[in-house]
Amino acid sequence: MANRVFSIIVLAICSLFFIESMKFSEKSGVQTFAPSFFPRVILVFIAILSVFIVIKSFKQVDKEKLGLLIKHYVKEHYQVLAVIGIFFVYIGLISIIGFLWSSILFLFITFSLLRPIKRKALITNLTVAIVLPIGIQFVFQQLLNIYLP
C-alpha cells in the first residue's frame, strides 16, 4: 500500500515536471536536442518505473500483514521519515529566518539525528552545521554575486 501511494505521488510529480518542461526554449540551429530533451527522458523513465511499482503493489496482501509491514517500516526507517519532516520545516523557515540560520539549524538537527549522540559528534555536528552554510553563503554572495534569502 505504501509503495502504491508513493508511486502515485511520484507519477503526479513527474507529470507536473513534464508539463513544466514544455516551457523550456526550443532548440536553436546549432543544438542537436532541445534543452527539454534530457529532463523529459529522465521523467519518462521514472514514470515507467513508478507504473511498474503501482502494478506490482496490487497483488493481494492481507490487512493484518500490511499493518505489521507498515509498523516495521516506520520502526526501521524512522530517521528517513524524520529527515523528510525536518526538510519541510527547513523549507518553511528559509523565508522566515533566512538561509543562513535555517541551514545551520537544519544541518545540526539532521546530523544529530543521523549520528550517535556523543560529545565529540555533537561538536563536529555543530562545527559543520556552522561552517558549511557560511561557506556556501560566502561563495554565492562574494564570488558569484547571488544573494541568498
N, C-alpha and C. Protein backbone atom coordinates (compact mmCIF):
# COMPACT_ATOMS: atom_id res chain seq x y z
N MET A 1 0.83 -1.19 0.00
CA MET A 1 0.00 0.00 0.00
C MET A 1 0.87 1.26 0.00
N ALA A 2 1.92 1.25 0.82
CA ALA A 2 2.82 2.41 0.88
C ALA A 2 3.50 2.62 -0.47
N ASN A 3 3.91 1.52 -1.12
CA ASN A 3 4.54 1.64 -2.44
C ASN A 3 3.57 2.23 -3.45
N ARG A 4 2.31 1.83 -3.36
CA ARG A 4 1.31 2.33 -4.29
C ARG A 4 1.12 3.83 -4.12
N VAL A 5 0.97 4.27 -2.88
CA VAL A 5 0.77 5.70 -2.61
C VAL A 5 1.99 6.50 -3.05
N PHE A 6 3.17 6.02 -2.69
CA PHE A 6 4.40 6.72 -3.07
C PHE A 6 4.54 6.79 -4.59
N SER A 7 4.24 5.70 -5.29
CA SER A 7 4.37 5.69 -6.75
C SER A 7 3.38 6.63 -7.40
N ILE A 8 2.18 6.72 -6.86
CA ILE A 8 1.19 7.65 -7.41
C ILE A 8 1.66 9.09 -7.20
N ILE A 9 2.24 9.37 -6.05
CA ILE A 9 2.78 10.72 -5.80
C ILE A 9 3.92 11.02 -6.76
N VAL A 10 4.79 10.04 -6.98
CA VAL A 10 5.90 10.23 -7.92
C VAL A 10 5.37 10.46 -9.33
N LEU A 11 4.33 9.73 -9.73
CA LEU A 11 3.74 9.93 -11.05
C LEU A 11 3.16 11.34 -11.18
N ALA A 12 2.51 11.82 -10.13
CA ALA A 12 1.95 13.17 -10.16
C ALA A 12 3.06 14.21 -10.29
N ILE A 13 4.14 14.04 -9.52
CA ILE A 13 5.27 14.97 -9.60
C ILE A 13 5.91 14.92 -10.98
N CYS A 14 6.06 13.71 -11.54
CA CYS A 14 6.64 13.58 -12.88
C CYS A 14 5.77 14.29 -13.91
N SER A 15 4.46 14.15 -13.79
CA SER A 15 3.58 14.81 -14.76
C SER A 15 3.68 16.33 -14.62
N LEU A 16 3.77 16.84 -13.39
CA LEU A 16 3.93 18.28 -13.20
C LEU A 16 5.23 18.78 -13.80
N PHE A 17 6.32 18.05 -13.56
CA PHE A 17 7.60 18.45 -14.12
C PHE A 17 7.60 18.35 -15.65
N PHE A 18 6.91 17.33 -16.18
CA PHE A 18 6.84 17.19 -17.63
C PHE A 18 6.09 18.37 -18.24
N ILE A 19 5.01 18.79 -17.59
CA ILE A 19 4.26 19.96 -18.06
C ILE A 19 5.14 21.20 -17.97
N GLU A 20 5.89 21.34 -16.88
CA GLU A 20 6.79 22.49 -16.75
C GLU A 20 7.89 22.47 -17.80
N SER A 21 8.31 21.28 -18.24
CA SER A 21 9.37 21.21 -19.26
C SER A 21 8.88 21.71 -20.61
N MET A 22 7.57 21.83 -20.78
CA MET A 22 7.02 22.39 -22.02
C MET A 22 7.37 23.88 -22.14
N LYS A 23 7.72 24.51 -21.03
CA LYS A 23 8.05 25.94 -21.03
C LYS A 23 9.50 26.21 -21.41
N PHE A 24 10.31 25.16 -21.55
CA PHE A 24 11.70 25.34 -21.94
C PHE A 24 11.76 25.89 -23.36
N SER A 25 12.85 26.58 -23.66
CA SER A 25 13.00 27.13 -25.01
C SER A 25 13.22 26.01 -26.02
N GLU A 26 12.86 26.29 -27.24
CA GLU A 26 13.06 25.32 -28.31
C GLU A 26 14.54 25.28 -28.69
N LYS A 27 14.92 24.24 -29.40
CA LYS A 27 16.33 24.14 -29.76
C LYS A 27 16.70 25.18 -30.80
N SER A 28 17.95 25.62 -30.70
CA SER A 28 18.45 26.58 -31.68
C SER A 28 19.06 25.80 -32.85
N GLY A 29 19.53 26.51 -33.83
CA GLY A 29 20.05 25.87 -35.03
C GLY A 29 21.28 25.01 -34.80
N VAL A 30 22.06 25.31 -33.79
CA VAL A 30 23.31 24.57 -33.58
C VAL A 30 23.14 23.41 -32.59
N GLN A 31 22.03 23.34 -31.91
CA GLN A 31 21.83 22.28 -30.91
C GLN A 31 21.28 21.03 -31.56
N THR A 32 21.74 19.89 -31.06
CA THR A 32 21.22 18.62 -31.56
C THR A 32 19.85 18.34 -30.96
N PHE A 33 19.72 18.56 -29.65
CA PHE A 33 18.46 18.33 -28.95
C PHE A 33 18.04 19.62 -28.25
N ALA A 34 16.75 19.72 -28.01
CA ALA A 34 16.22 20.87 -27.26
C ALA A 34 16.62 20.73 -25.79
N PRO A 35 16.64 21.84 -25.05
CA PRO A 35 17.01 21.77 -23.63
C PRO A 35 16.07 20.88 -22.80
N SER A 36 14.87 20.65 -23.30
CA SER A 36 13.91 19.84 -22.55
C SER A 36 14.06 18.35 -22.82
N PHE A 37 14.92 17.94 -23.74
CA PHE A 37 15.01 16.54 -24.12
C PHE A 37 15.45 15.63 -22.97
N PHE A 38 16.58 15.94 -22.36
CA PHE A 38 17.11 15.06 -21.31
C PHE A 38 16.19 15.01 -20.08
N PRO A 39 15.67 16.16 -19.58
CA PRO A 39 14.75 16.07 -18.44
C PRO A 39 13.51 15.23 -18.76
N ARG A 40 13.00 15.32 -19.99
CA ARG A 40 11.83 14.52 -20.36
C ARG A 40 12.16 13.03 -20.40
N VAL A 41 13.35 12.69 -20.90
CA VAL A 41 13.75 11.27 -20.92
C VAL A 41 13.81 10.73 -19.49
N ILE A 42 14.41 11.47 -18.60
CA ILE A 42 14.51 11.04 -17.20
C ILE A 42 13.12 10.92 -16.58
N LEU A 43 12.25 11.90 -16.83
CA LEU A 43 10.90 11.87 -16.27
C LEU A 43 10.10 10.68 -16.79
N VAL A 44 10.23 10.38 -18.07
CA VAL A 44 9.52 9.22 -18.63
C VAL A 44 10.05 7.94 -18.00
N PHE A 45 11.35 7.84 -17.82
CA PHE A 45 11.95 6.66 -17.21
C PHE A 45 11.44 6.47 -15.77
N ILE A 46 11.41 7.56 -15.00
CA ILE A 46 10.91 7.49 -13.63
C ILE A 46 9.43 7.12 -13.62
N ALA A 47 8.65 7.68 -14.55
CA ALA A 47 7.22 7.38 -14.61
C ALA A 47 6.98 5.92 -14.95
N ILE A 48 7.76 5.36 -15.87
CA ILE A 48 7.62 3.94 -16.23
C ILE A 48 7.92 3.06 -15.02
N LEU A 49 8.98 3.37 -14.29
CA LEU A 49 9.30 2.59 -13.10
C LEU A 49 8.20 2.71 -12.05
N SER A 50 7.62 3.88 -11.92
CA SER A 50 6.53 4.08 -10.96
C SER A 50 5.29 3.28 -11.35
N VAL A 51 5.01 3.22 -12.64
CA VAL A 51 3.87 2.41 -13.10
C VAL A 51 4.11 0.95 -12.77
N PHE A 52 5.33 0.46 -12.97
CA PHE A 52 5.63 -0.92 -12.61
C PHE A 52 5.41 -1.18 -11.12
N ILE A 53 5.81 -0.23 -10.29
CA ILE A 53 5.62 -0.39 -8.85
C ILE A 53 4.14 -0.38 -8.49
N VAL A 54 3.36 0.48 -9.14
CA VAL A 54 1.91 0.50 -8.89
C VAL A 54 1.29 -0.83 -9.27
N ILE A 55 1.65 -1.36 -10.43
CA ILE A 55 1.10 -2.65 -10.87
C ILE A 55 1.51 -3.75 -9.90
N LYS A 56 2.76 -3.75 -9.49
CA LYS A 56 3.25 -4.77 -8.56
C LYS A 56 2.56 -4.68 -7.20
N SER A 57 2.16 -3.46 -6.80
CA SER A 57 1.56 -3.28 -5.48
C SER A 57 0.14 -3.80 -5.38
N PHE A 58 -0.47 -4.16 -6.51
CA PHE A 58 -1.85 -4.63 -6.48
C PHE A 58 -1.99 -6.10 -6.12
N LYS A 59 -0.88 -6.81 -5.96
CA LYS A 59 -1.04 -8.20 -5.52
C LYS A 59 -1.58 -8.19 -4.10
N GLN A 60 -2.38 -9.17 -3.78
CA GLN A 60 -3.13 -9.18 -2.52
C GLN A 60 -2.21 -9.34 -1.30
N VAL A 61 -2.42 -8.45 -0.35
CA VAL A 61 -1.75 -8.53 0.95
C VAL A 61 -2.84 -8.38 1.98
N ASP A 62 -2.91 -9.31 2.94
CA ASP A 62 -3.99 -9.17 3.92
C ASP A 62 -3.72 -7.99 4.84
N LYS A 63 -4.79 -7.44 5.40
CA LYS A 63 -4.71 -6.18 6.15
C LYS A 63 -3.85 -6.31 7.40
N GLU A 64 -3.88 -7.44 8.08
CA GLU A 64 -3.08 -7.61 9.29
C GLU A 64 -1.60 -7.61 8.94
N LYS A 65 -1.25 -8.30 7.88
CA LYS A 65 0.14 -8.34 7.45
C LYS A 65 0.60 -6.95 7.00
N LEU A 66 -0.30 -6.22 6.35
CA LEU A 66 0.02 -4.87 5.90
C LEU A 66 0.30 -3.95 7.08
N GLY A 67 -0.52 -4.05 8.13
CA GLY A 67 -0.29 -3.24 9.33
C GLY A 67 1.05 -3.53 9.96
N LEU A 68 1.42 -4.81 10.03
CA LEU A 68 2.73 -5.18 10.58
C LEU A 68 3.86 -4.67 9.70
N LEU A 69 3.66 -4.73 8.38
CA LEU A 69 4.69 -4.23 7.47
C LEU A 69 4.90 -2.72 7.65
N ILE A 70 3.81 -1.98 7.79
CA ILE A 70 3.92 -0.53 7.97
C ILE A 70 4.60 -0.20 9.29
N LYS A 71 4.22 -0.89 10.37
CA LYS A 71 4.86 -0.66 11.66
C LYS A 71 6.35 -0.98 11.60
N HIS A 72 6.68 -2.08 10.95
CA HIS A 72 8.08 -2.47 10.83
C HIS A 72 8.85 -1.44 10.00
N TYR A 73 8.24 -0.94 8.92
CA TYR A 73 8.89 0.05 8.07
C TYR A 73 9.16 1.34 8.84
N VAL A 74 8.15 1.80 9.58
CA VAL A 74 8.31 3.05 10.34
C VAL A 74 9.36 2.87 11.42
N LYS A 75 9.34 1.72 12.09
CA LYS A 75 10.32 1.46 13.15
C LYS A 75 11.73 1.41 12.59
N GLU A 76 11.88 0.80 11.42
CA GLU A 76 13.20 0.63 10.83
C GLU A 76 13.71 1.91 10.16
N HIS A 77 12.79 2.71 9.60
CA HIS A 77 13.18 3.88 8.82
C HIS A 77 12.69 5.19 9.42
N TYR A 78 12.60 5.27 10.73
CA TYR A 78 12.10 6.48 11.36
C TYR A 78 12.99 7.69 11.07
N GLN A 79 14.28 7.45 10.91
CA GLN A 79 15.19 8.56 10.66
C GLN A 79 14.92 9.20 9.30
N VAL A 80 14.63 8.39 8.30
CA VAL A 80 14.33 8.92 6.97
C VAL A 80 13.06 9.76 7.03
N LEU A 81 12.03 9.25 7.69
CA LEU A 81 10.78 9.98 7.81
C LEU A 81 10.98 11.28 8.59
N ALA A 82 11.80 11.23 9.63
CA ALA A 82 12.08 12.44 10.42
C ALA A 82 12.83 13.48 9.58
N VAL A 83 13.80 13.04 8.80
CA VAL A 83 14.56 13.97 7.96
C VAL A 83 13.65 14.62 6.91
N ILE A 84 12.72 13.85 6.35
CA ILE A 84 11.77 14.42 5.39
C ILE A 84 10.94 15.50 6.07
N GLY A 85 10.46 15.22 7.28
CA GLY A 85 9.70 16.23 8.02
C GLY A 85 10.53 17.46 8.36
N ILE A 86 11.76 17.23 8.79
CA ILE A 86 12.66 18.34 9.11
C ILE A 86 12.95 19.17 7.86
N PHE A 87 13.06 18.51 6.72
CA PHE A 87 13.32 19.21 5.47
C PHE A 87 12.17 20.17 5.12
N PHE A 88 10.93 19.71 5.30
CA PHE A 88 9.80 20.58 5.01
C PHE A 88 9.75 21.77 5.97
N VAL A 89 10.12 21.55 7.22
CA VAL A 89 10.20 22.66 8.17
C VAL A 89 11.31 23.62 7.73
N TYR A 90 12.43 23.09 7.28
CA TYR A 90 13.55 23.89 6.79
C TYR A 90 13.12 24.78 5.63
N ILE A 91 12.39 24.21 4.69
CA ILE A 91 11.92 25.00 3.54
C ILE A 91 11.04 26.15 4.02
N GLY A 92 10.18 25.88 5.00
CA GLY A 92 9.34 26.95 5.54
C GLY A 92 10.13 28.00 6.28
N LEU A 93 11.18 27.58 6.96
CA LEU A 93 11.98 28.53 7.76
C LEU A 93 12.87 29.42 6.91
N ILE A 94 13.23 28.99 5.72
CA ILE A 94 14.13 29.81 4.88
C ILE A 94 13.53 31.19 4.65
N SER A 95 12.25 31.25 4.35
CA SER A 95 11.64 32.55 4.07
C SER A 95 11.42 33.37 5.34
N ILE A 96 11.39 32.71 6.50
CA ILE A 96 11.12 33.42 7.75
C ILE A 96 12.42 33.93 8.39
N ILE A 97 13.39 33.04 8.59
CA ILE A 97 14.62 33.46 9.29
C ILE A 97 15.84 33.53 8.37
N GLY A 98 15.68 33.20 7.10
CA GLY A 98 16.77 33.31 6.15
C GLY A 98 17.54 32.02 5.95
N PHE A 99 18.34 32.01 4.89
CA PHE A 99 19.10 30.83 4.50
C PHE A 99 20.10 30.41 5.57
N LEU A 100 20.87 31.34 6.06
CA LEU A 100 21.98 31.02 6.95
C LEU A 100 21.50 30.34 8.23
N TRP A 101 20.59 30.97 8.95
CA TRP A 101 20.16 30.42 10.24
C TRP A 101 19.33 29.14 10.06
N SER A 102 18.49 29.10 9.06
CA SER A 102 17.69 27.89 8.86
C SER A 102 18.58 26.73 8.43
N SER A 103 19.63 27.00 7.64
CA SER A 103 20.54 25.94 7.23
C SER A 103 21.36 25.41 8.40
N ILE A 104 21.82 26.31 9.25
CA ILE A 104 22.56 25.88 10.43
C ILE A 104 21.69 25.00 11.30
N LEU A 105 20.47 25.41 11.53
CA LEU A 105 19.53 24.64 12.35
C LEU A 105 19.22 23.30 11.70
N PHE A 106 18.93 23.30 10.40
CA PHE A 106 18.60 22.07 9.68
C PHE A 106 19.76 21.08 9.73
N LEU A 107 20.95 21.55 9.42
CA LEU A 107 22.11 20.65 9.40
C LEU A 107 22.42 20.09 10.78
N PHE A 108 22.36 20.93 11.80
CA PHE A 108 22.66 20.44 13.15
C PHE A 108 21.64 19.39 13.60
N ILE A 109 20.37 19.66 13.39
CA ILE A 109 19.34 18.69 13.80
C ILE A 109 19.46 17.40 13.00
N THR A 110 19.67 17.52 11.69
CA THR A 110 19.78 16.32 10.85
C THR A 110 21.01 15.50 11.21
N PHE A 111 22.16 16.15 11.36
CA PHE A 111 23.37 15.42 11.74
C PHE A 111 23.21 14.76 13.10
N SER A 112 22.60 15.47 14.04
CA SER A 112 22.41 14.91 15.38
C SER A 112 21.46 13.72 15.36
N LEU A 113 20.49 13.75 14.46
CA LEU A 113 19.56 12.63 14.34
C LEU A 113 20.23 11.42 13.72
N LEU A 114 21.09 11.64 12.75
CA LEU A 114 21.66 10.53 12.00
C LEU A 114 22.94 9.95 12.61
N ARG A 115 23.60 10.70 13.47
CA ARG A 115 24.83 10.21 14.09
C ARG A 115 24.58 9.88 15.55
N PRO A 116 25.40 9.00 16.10
CA PRO A 116 25.23 8.70 17.53
C PRO A 116 25.49 9.94 18.38
N ILE A 117 24.75 10.06 19.47
CA ILE A 117 24.87 11.24 20.31
C ILE A 117 26.02 11.05 21.29
N LYS A 118 27.14 11.68 20.97
CA LYS A 118 28.32 11.71 21.82
C LYS A 118 28.83 13.14 21.79
N ARG A 119 29.61 13.48 22.77
CA ARG A 119 30.08 14.87 22.87
C ARG A 119 30.90 15.26 21.65
N LYS A 120 31.82 14.40 21.23
CA LYS A 120 32.66 14.71 20.09
C LYS A 120 31.82 14.84 18.82
N ALA A 121 30.82 13.97 18.66
CA ALA A 121 29.96 14.04 17.48
C ALA A 121 29.13 15.32 17.49
N LEU A 122 28.65 15.74 18.65
CA LEU A 122 27.87 16.97 18.73
C LEU A 122 28.72 18.19 18.37
N ILE A 123 29.98 18.19 18.83
CA ILE A 123 30.88 19.30 18.50
C ILE A 123 31.14 19.32 16.99
N THR A 124 31.37 18.15 16.41
CA THR A 124 31.58 18.06 14.96
C THR A 124 30.33 18.49 14.21
N ASN A 125 29.16 18.03 14.67
CA ASN A 125 27.90 18.41 14.03
C ASN A 125 27.73 19.92 14.04
N LEU A 126 27.98 20.53 15.17
CA LEU A 126 27.82 21.98 15.30
C LEU A 126 28.81 22.72 14.42
N THR A 127 30.06 22.25 14.39
CA THR A 127 31.08 22.90 13.57
C THR A 127 30.72 22.85 12.09
N VAL A 128 30.35 21.67 11.62
CA VAL A 128 29.99 21.52 10.20
C VAL A 128 28.72 22.31 9.89
N ALA A 129 27.76 22.27 10.81
CA ALA A 129 26.50 22.98 10.60
C ALA A 129 26.69 24.49 10.54
N ILE A 130 27.73 25.00 11.15
CA ILE A 130 28.00 26.44 11.10
C ILE A 130 28.89 26.79 9.90
N VAL A 131 29.94 26.02 9.68
CA VAL A 131 30.92 26.34 8.64
C VAL A 131 30.35 26.17 7.24
N LEU A 132 29.60 25.10 7.01
CA LEU A 132 29.10 24.81 5.66
C LEU A 132 28.15 25.89 5.13
N PRO A 133 27.11 26.29 5.85
CA PRO A 133 26.25 27.37 5.31
C PRO A 133 26.97 28.71 5.17
N ILE A 134 27.89 29.01 6.09
CA ILE A 134 28.65 30.26 5.97
C ILE A 134 29.52 30.21 4.71
N GLY A 135 30.14 29.07 4.47
CA GLY A 135 30.95 28.91 3.26
C GLY A 135 30.13 29.02 1.99
N ILE A 136 28.97 28.39 1.98
CA ILE A 136 28.09 28.46 0.81
C ILE A 136 27.63 29.90 0.59
N GLN A 137 27.25 30.56 1.67
CA GLN A 137 26.78 31.95 1.54
C GLN A 137 27.92 32.85 1.04
N PHE A 138 29.13 32.63 1.52
CA PHE A 138 30.28 33.42 1.07
C PHE A 138 30.51 33.23 -0.43
N VAL A 139 30.51 31.97 -0.88
CA VAL A 139 30.75 31.70 -2.29
C VAL A 139 29.68 32.35 -3.16
N PHE A 140 28.42 32.20 -2.77
CA PHE A 140 27.35 32.77 -3.58
C PHE A 140 27.37 34.29 -3.57
N GLN A 141 27.52 34.90 -2.39
CA GLN A 141 27.42 36.36 -2.32
C GLN A 141 28.68 37.07 -2.77
N GLN A 142 29.84 36.59 -2.40
CA GLN A 142 31.07 37.30 -2.70
C GLN A 142 31.64 36.94 -4.07
N LEU A 143 31.59 35.68 -4.43
CA LEU A 143 32.22 35.25 -5.67
C LEU A 143 31.25 35.24 -6.85
N LEU A 144 30.00 34.87 -6.62
CA LEU A 144 29.03 34.76 -7.71
C LEU A 144 28.04 35.92 -7.76
N ASN A 145 28.07 36.78 -6.75
CA ASN A 145 27.14 37.91 -6.66
C ASN A 145 25.68 37.48 -6.72
N ILE A 146 25.36 36.36 -6.07
CA ILE A 146 24.00 35.86 -5.96
C ILE A 146 23.63 35.92 -4.48
N TYR A 147 22.62 36.69 -4.16
CA TYR A 147 22.24 36.85 -2.75
C TYR A 147 21.19 35.83 -2.37
N LEU A 148 21.45 35.13 -1.28
CA LEU A 148 20.53 34.11 -0.78
C LEU A 148 19.54 34.76 0.18
N PRO A 149 18.35 34.16 0.32
CA PRO A 149 17.34 34.76 1.19
C PRO A 149 17.76 34.82 2.65
